């Protein structure tokens, strides 16, 4: 079955995920040099997921006067 067009999210997945797949966890552990080829893919240690937050721009005096 296809998803109705009205139910689809136009921007895609915009929220950051809190859970990584096994492959993503292994790649992150390799980057941190905590996982080797002889290690088992089961029982992997936890990997922190960094959430990005964009800072809001401060309004300048010109922008406040224009409004």
PDB file of N, CA and C in Angstrom:
ATOM      1  N   UNK A   1       0.829  -1.184   0.000  1.00  0.00           N
ATOM      2  CA  UNK A   1       0.000   0.000   0.000  1.00  0.00           C
ATOM      3  C   UNK A   1       0.874   1.248   0.000  1.00  0.00           C
ATOM      4  N   UNK A   2       0.392   2.261  -0.637  1.00  0.00           N
ATOM      5  CA  UNK A   2       1.118   3.526  -0.702  1.00  0.00           C
ATOM      6  C   UNK A   2       0.590   4.474   0.371  1.00  0.00           C
ATOM      7  N   UNK A   3       1.445   5.375   0.810  1.00  0.00           N
ATOM      8  CA  UNK A   3       1.044   6.385   1.783  1.00  0.00           C
ATOM      9  C   UNK A   3       0.388   7.539   1.043  1.00  0.00           C
ATOM     10  N   UNK A   4      -0.719   8.010   1.568  1.00  0.00           N
ATOM     11  CA  UNK A   4      -1.417   9.134   0.973  1.00  0.00           C
ATOM     12  C   UNK A   4      -0.526  10.376   1.017  1.00  0.00           C
ATOM     13  N   UNK A   5      -0.610  11.217  -0.006  1.00  0.00           N
ATOM     14  CA  UNK A   5       0.234  12.411  -0.110  1.00  0.00           C
ATOM     15  C   UNK A   5       0.031  13.369   1.066  1.00  0.00           C
ATOM     16  N   UNK A   6      -1.172  13.413   1.606  1.00  0.00           N
ATOM     17  CA  UNK A   6      -1.439  14.336   2.705  1.00  0.00           C
ATOM     18  C   UNK A   6      -0.780  13.885   4.008  1.00  0.00           C
ATOM     19  N   UNK A   7      -0.388  12.618   4.108  1.00  0.00           N
ATOM     20  CA  UNK A   7       0.214  12.110   5.332  1.00  0.00           C
ATOM     21  C   UNK A   7       1.738  12.179   5.317  1.00  0.00           C
ATOM     22  N   UNK A   8       2.326  12.425   4.169  1.00  0.00           N
ATOM     23  CA  UNK A   8       3.776  12.489   4.077  1.00  0.00           C
ATOM     24  C   UNK A   8       4.293  13.794   4.658  1.00  0.00           C
ATOM     25  N   UNK A   9       5.451  13.718   5.283  1.00  0.00           N
ATOM     26  CA  UNK A   9       6.098  14.911   5.807  1.00  0.00           C
ATOM     27  C   UNK A   9       6.972  15.479   4.701  1.00  0.00           C
ATOM     28  N   UNK A  10       6.775  16.750   4.396  1.00  0.00           N
ATOM     29  CA  UNK A  10       7.482  17.347   3.270  1.00  0.00           C
ATOM     30  C   UNK A  10       8.971  17.508   3.537  1.00  0.00           C
ATOM     31  N   UNK A  11       9.351  17.811   4.762  1.00  0.00           N
ATOM     32  CA  UNK A  11      10.751  18.070   5.066  1.00  0.00           C
ATOM     33  C   UNK A  11      11.516  16.790   5.379  1.00  0.00           C
ATOM     34  N   UNK A  12      10.860  15.676   5.414  1.00  0.00           N
ATOM     35  CA  UNK A  12      11.540  14.431   5.743  1.00  0.00           C
ATOM     36  C   UNK A  12      11.728  14.311   7.234  1.00  0.00           C
ATOM     37  N   UNK A  13      12.715  13.562   7.642  1.00  0.00           N
ATOM     38  CA  UNK A  13      12.990  13.379   9.058  1.00  0.00           C
ATOM     39  C   UNK A  13      13.824  14.568   9.525  1.00  0.00           C
ATOM     40  N   UNK A  14      13.187  15.494  10.220  1.00  0.00           N
ATOM     41  CA  UNK A  14      13.891  16.691  10.663  1.00  0.00           C
ATOM     42  C   UNK A  14      14.386  16.551  12.097  1.00  0.00           C
ATOM     43  N   UNK A  15      13.727  15.755  12.901  1.00  0.00           N
ATOM     44  CA  UNK A  15      14.145  15.594  14.292  1.00  0.00           C
ATOM     45  C   UNK A  15      15.323  14.638  14.367  1.00  0.00           C
ATOM     46  N   UNK A  16      16.195  14.861  15.331  1.00  0.00           N
ATOM     47  CA  UNK A  16      17.329  13.964  15.492  1.00  0.00           C
ATOM     48  C   UNK A  16      16.858  12.688  16.176  1.00  0.00           C
ATOM     49  N   UNK A  17      17.405  11.582  15.726  1.00  0.00           N
ATOM     50  CA  UNK A  17      17.008  10.299  16.286  1.00  0.00           C
ATOM     51  C   UNK A  17      17.766  10.058  17.579  1.00  0.00           C
ATOM     52  N   UNK A  18      17.131   9.378  18.514  1.00  0.00           N
ATOM     53  CA  UNK A  18      17.787   9.076  19.776  1.00  0.00           C
ATOM     54  C   UNK A  18      18.374   7.672  19.781  1.00  0.00           C
ATOM     55  N   UNK A  19      18.121   6.894  18.744  1.00  0.00           N
ATOM     56  CA  UNK A  19      18.601   5.522  18.673  1.00  0.00           C
ATOM     57  C   UNK A  19      19.383   5.340  17.376  1.00  0.00           C
ATOM     58  N   UNK A  20      20.563   4.734  17.481  1.00  0.00           N
ATOM     59  CA  UNK A  20      21.384   4.461  16.302  1.00  0.00           C
ATOM     60  C   UNK A  20      21.243   2.991  15.924  1.00  0.00           C
ATOM     61  N   UNK A  21      21.401   2.700  14.654  1.00  0.00           N
ATOM     62  CA  UNK A  21      21.418   1.308  14.212  1.00  0.00           C
ATOM     63  C   UNK A  21      22.752   0.684  14.605  1.00  0.00           C
ATOM     64  N   UNK A  22      22.841  -0.630  14.528  1.00  0.00           N
ATOM     65  CA  UNK A  22      24.065  -1.323  14.910  1.00  0.00           C
ATOM     66  C   UNK A  22      25.245  -0.863  14.054  1.00  0.00           C
ATOM     67  N   UNK A  23      25.000  -0.682  12.759  1.00  0.00           N
ATOM     68  CA  UNK A  23      26.074  -0.252  11.849  1.00  0.00           C
ATOM     69  C   UNK A  23      26.559   1.150  12.215  1.00  0.00           C
ATOM     70  N   UNK A  24      25.628   2.048  12.532  1.00  0.00           N
ATOM     71  CA  UNK A  24      26.007   3.407  12.921  1.00  0.00           C
ATOM     72  C   UNK A  24      26.804   3.407  14.228  1.00  0.00           C
ATOM     73  N   UNK A  25      26.406   2.541  15.159  1.00  0.00           N
ATOM     74  CA  UNK A  25      27.123   2.460  16.427  1.00  0.00           C
ATOM     75  C   UNK A  25      28.539   1.932  16.218  1.00  0.00           C
ATOM     76  N   UNK A  26      28.690   0.935  15.358  1.00  0.00           N
ATOM     77  CA  UNK A  26      30.014   0.376  15.094  1.00  0.00           C
ATOM     78  C   UNK A  26      30.915   1.410  14.433  1.00  0.00           C
ATOM     79  N   UNK A  27      30.379   2.177  13.478  1.00  0.00           N
ATOM     80  CA  UNK A  27      31.203   3.199  12.823  1.00  0.00           C
ATOM     81  C   UNK A  27      31.632   4.273  13.810  1.00  0.00           C
ATOM     82  N   UNK A  28      30.751   4.670  14.718  1.00  0.00           N
ATOM     83  CA  UNK A  28      31.124   5.668  15.724  1.00  0.00           C
ATOM     84  C   UNK A  28      32.174   5.117  16.680  1.00  0.00           C
ATOM     85  N   UNK A  29      32.021   3.827  17.057  1.00  0.00           N
ATOM     86  CA  UNK A  29      33.003   3.220  17.953  1.00  0.00           C
ATOM     87  C   UNK A  29      34.361   3.087  17.258  1.00  0.00           C
ATOM     88  N   UNK A  30      34.362   2.825  15.953  1.00  0.00           N
ATOM     89  CA  UNK A  30      35.623   2.767  15.210  1.00  0.00           C
ATOM     90  C   UNK A  30      36.304   4.125  15.197  1.00  0.00           C
ATOM     91  N   UNK A  31      35.509   5.188  15.013  1.00  0.00           N
ATOM     92  CA  UNK A  31      36.067   6.543  15.008  1.00  0.00           C
ATOM     93  C   UNK A  31      36.708   6.877  16.357  1.00  0.00           C
ATOM     94  N   UNK A  32      36.088   6.388  17.449  1.00  0.00           N
ATOM     95  CA  UNK A  32      36.620   6.631  18.786  1.00  0.00           C
ATOM     96  C   UNK A  32      37.677   5.593  19.172  1.00  0.00           C
ATOM     97  N   UNK A  33      37.972   4.657  18.255  1.00  0.00           N
ATOM     98  CA  UNK A  33      38.961   3.597  18.451  1.00  0.00           C
ATOM     99  C   UNK A  33      38.635   2.730  19.665  1.00  0.00           C
ATOM    100  N   UNK A  34      37.337   2.410  19.835  1.00  0.00           N
ATOM    101  CA  UNK A  34      36.901   1.550  20.938  1.00  0.00           C
ATOM    102  C   UNK A  34      36.359   0.214  20.441  1.00  0.00           C
ATOM    103  N   UNK A  35      36.465  -0.034  19.136  1.00  0.00           N
ATOM    104  CA  UNK A  35      35.949  -1.279  18.574  1.00  0.00           C
ATOM    105  C   UNK A  35      36.930  -1.800  17.539  1.00  0.00           C
ATOM    106  N   UNK A  36      37.261  -3.077  17.646  1.00  0.00           N
ATOM    107  CA  UNK A  36      38.184  -3.688  16.705  1.00  0.00           C
ATOM    108  C   UNK A  36      37.485  -4.757  15.889  1.00  0.00           C
ATOM    109  N   UNK A  37      38.185  -5.298  14.916  1.00  0.00           N
ATOM    110  CA  UNK A  37      37.601  -6.313  14.035  1.00  0.00           C
ATOM    111  C   UNK A  37      37.281  -7.605  14.782  1.00  0.00           C
ATOM    112  N   UNK A  38      38.033  -7.912  15.839  1.00  0.00           N
ATOM    113  CA  UNK A  38      37.798  -9.150  16.570  1.00  0.00           C
ATOM    114  C   UNK A  38      36.642  -9.011  17.567  1.00  0.00           C
ATOM    115  N   UNK A  39      36.142  -7.817  17.785  1.00  0.00           N
ATOM    116  CA  UNK A  39      35.055  -7.577  18.735  1.00  0.00           C
ATOM    117  C   UNK A  39      33.740  -8.118  18.200  1.00  0.00           C
ATOM    118  N   UNK A  40      32.866  -8.490  19.113  1.00  0.00           N
ATOM    119  CA  UNK A  40      31.555  -9.020  18.741  1.00  0.00           C
ATOM    120  C   UNK A  40      30.593  -7.867  18.459  1.00  0.00           C
ATOM    121  N   UNK A  41      29.751  -7.988  17.435  1.00  0.00           N
ATOM    122  CA  UNK A  41      28.773  -6.930  17.161  1.00  0.00           C
ATOM    123  C   UNK A  41      27.588  -6.956  18.126  1.00  0.00           C
ATOM    124  N   UNK A  42      27.543  -7.959  19.005  1.00  0.00           N
ATOM    125  CA  UNK A  42      26.471  -8.055  19.988  1.00  0.00           C
ATOM    126  C   UNK A  42      26.940  -7.482  21.311  1.00  0.00           C
ATOM    127  N   UNK A  43      26.043  -6.846  22.029  1.00  0.00           N
ATOM    128  CA  UNK A  43      26.389  -6.258  23.318  1.00  0.00           C
ATOM    129  C   UNK A  43      27.299  -5.062  23.193  1.00  0.00           C
ATOM    130  N   UNK A  44      27.030  -4.218  22.210  1.00  0.00           N
ATOM    131  CA  UNK A  44      27.865  -3.028  21.997  1.00  0.00           C
ATOM    132  C   UNK A  44      27.665  -2.028  23.130  1.00  0.00           C
ATOM    133  N   UNK A  45      28.697  -1.270  23.478  1.00  0.00           N
ATOM    134  CA  UNK A  45      28.513  -0.222  24.488  1.00  0.00           C
ATOM    135  C   UNK A  45      27.652   0.907  23.947  1.00  0.00           C
ATOM    136  N   UNK A  46      27.125   1.697  24.864  1.00  0.00           N
ATOM    137  CA  UNK A  46      26.276   2.814  24.469  1.00  0.00           C
ATOM    138  C   UNK A  46      27.101   3.879  23.755  1.00  0.00           C
ATOM    139  N   UNK A  47      26.460   4.539  22.803  1.00  0.00           N
ATOM    140  CA  UNK A  47      27.106   5.616  22.057  1.00  0.00           C
ATOM    141  C   UNK A  47      26.212   6.840  22.178  1.00  0.00           C
ATOM    142  N   UNK A  48      26.802   7.917  22.621  1.00  0.00           N
ATOM    143  CA  UNK A  48      26.026   9.144  22.814  1.00  0.00           C
ATOM    144  C   UNK A  48      25.633   9.753  21.473  1.00  0.00           C
ATOM    145  N   UNK A  49      24.388  10.183  21.377  1.00  0.00           N
ATOM    146  CA  UNK A  49      23.892  10.841  20.179  1.00  0.00           C
ATOM    147  C   UNK A  49      23.876  12.334  20.454  1.00  0.00           C
ATOM    148  N   UNK A  50      24.625  13.072  19.656  1.00  0.00           N
ATOM    149  CA  UNK A  50      24.680  14.515  19.838  1.00  0.00           C
ATOM    150  C   UNK A  50      23.517  15.165  19.126  1.00  0.00           C
ATOM    151  N   UNK A  51      22.800  15.997  19.857  1.00  0.00           N
ATOM    152  CA  UNK A  51      21.679  16.720  19.276  1.00  0.00           C
ATOM    153  C   UNK A  51      22.138  18.133  18.954  1.00  0.00           C
ATOM    154  N   UNK A  52      21.922  18.550  17.731  1.00  0.00           N
ATOM    155  CA  UNK A  52      22.325  19.887  17.314  1.00  0.00           C
ATOM    156  C   UNK A  52      21.205  20.873  17.588  1.00  0.00           C
ATOM    157  N   UNK A  53      21.545  21.979  18.171  1.00  0.00           N
ATOM    158  CA  UNK A  53      20.583  23.038  18.410  1.00  0.00           C
ATOM    159  C   UNK A  53      21.090  24.299  17.732  1.00  0.00           C
ATOM    160  N   UNK A  54      20.250  24.887  16.921  1.00  0.00           N
ATOM    161  CA  UNK A  54      20.630  26.113  16.239  1.00  0.00           C
ATOM    162  C   UNK A  54      20.317  27.299  17.133  1.00  0.00           C
ATOM    163  N   UNK A  55      21.266  28.202  17.229  1.00  0.00           N
ATOM    164  CA  UNK A  55      21.052  29.390  18.041  1.00  0.00           C
ATOM    165  C   UNK A  55      20.253  30.413  17.246  1.00  0.00           C
ATOM    166  N   UNK A  56      19.358  31.090  17.943  1.00  0.00           N
ATOM    167  CA  UNK A  56      18.570  32.123  17.295  1.00  0.00           C
ATOM    168  C   UNK A  56      19.409  33.383  17.158  1.00  0.00           C
ATOM    169  N   UNK A  57      19.245  34.049  16.029  1.00  0.00           N
ATOM    170  CA  UNK A  57      19.983  35.279  15.798  1.00  0.00           C
ATOM    171  C   UNK A  57      19.347  36.413  16.595  1.00  0.00           C
ATOM    172  N   UNK A  58      20.183  37.252  17.163  1.00  0.00           N
ATOM    173  CA  UNK A  58      19.683  38.402  17.897  1.00  0.00           C
ATOM    174  C   UNK A  58      19.277  39.491  16.911  1.00  0.00           C
ATOM    175  N   UNK A  59      18.194  40.168  17.233  1.00  0.00           N
ATOM    176  CA  UNK A  59      17.729  41.239  16.366  1.00  0.00           C
ATOM    177  C   UNK A  59      18.597  42.473  16.573  1.00  0.00           C
ATOM    178  N   UNK A  60      18.911  43.120  15.486  1.00  0.00           N
ATOM    179  CA  UNK A  60      19.666  44.363  15.584  1.00  0.00           C
ATOM    180  C   UNK A  60      18.686  45.514  15.756  1.00  0.00           C
ATOM    181  N   UNK A  61      19.191  46.666  16.069  1.00  0.00           N
ATOM    182  CA  UNK A  61      18.323  47.838  16.298  1.00  0.00           C
ATOM    183  C   UNK A  61      17.605  48.245  15.020  1.00  0.00           C
ATOM    184  N   UNK A  62      18.257  48.079  13.872  1.00  0.00           N
ATOM    185  CA  UNK A  62      17.624  48.449  12.601  1.00  0.00           C
ATOM    186  C   UNK A  62      16.400  47.583  12.336  1.00  0.00           C
ATOM    187  N   UNK A  63      16.528  46.290  12.581  1.00  0.00           N
ATOM    188  CA  UNK A  63      15.418  45.380  12.338  1.00  0.00           C
ATOM    189  C   UNK A  63      14.252  45.666  13.274  1.00  0.00           C
ATOM    190  N   UNK A  64      14.547  46.026  14.519  1.00  0.00           N
ATOM    191  CA  UNK A  64      13.494  46.347  15.463  1.00  0.00           C
ATOM    192  C   UNK A  64      12.780  47.638  15.088  1.00  0.00           C
ATOM    193  N   UNK A  65      13.526  48.623  14.568  1.00  0.00           N
ATOM    194  CA  UNK A  65      12.940  49.906  14.169  1.00  0.00           C
ATOM    195  C   UNK A  65      12.068  49.744  12.925  1.00  0.00           C
ATOM    196  N   UNK A  66      12.442  48.833  12.033  1.00  0.00           N
ATOM    197  CA  UNK A  66      11.682  48.622  10.802  1.00  0.00           C
ATOM    198  C   UNK A  66      10.310  48.033  11.077  1.00  0.00           C
ATOM    199  N   UNK A  67      10.184  47.296  12.129  1.00  0.00           N
ATOM    200  CA  UNK A  67       8.907  46.622  12.425  1.00  0.00           C
ATOM    201  C   UNK A  67       7.991  47.456  13.201  1.00  0.00           C
TER     202      UNK A  67
END
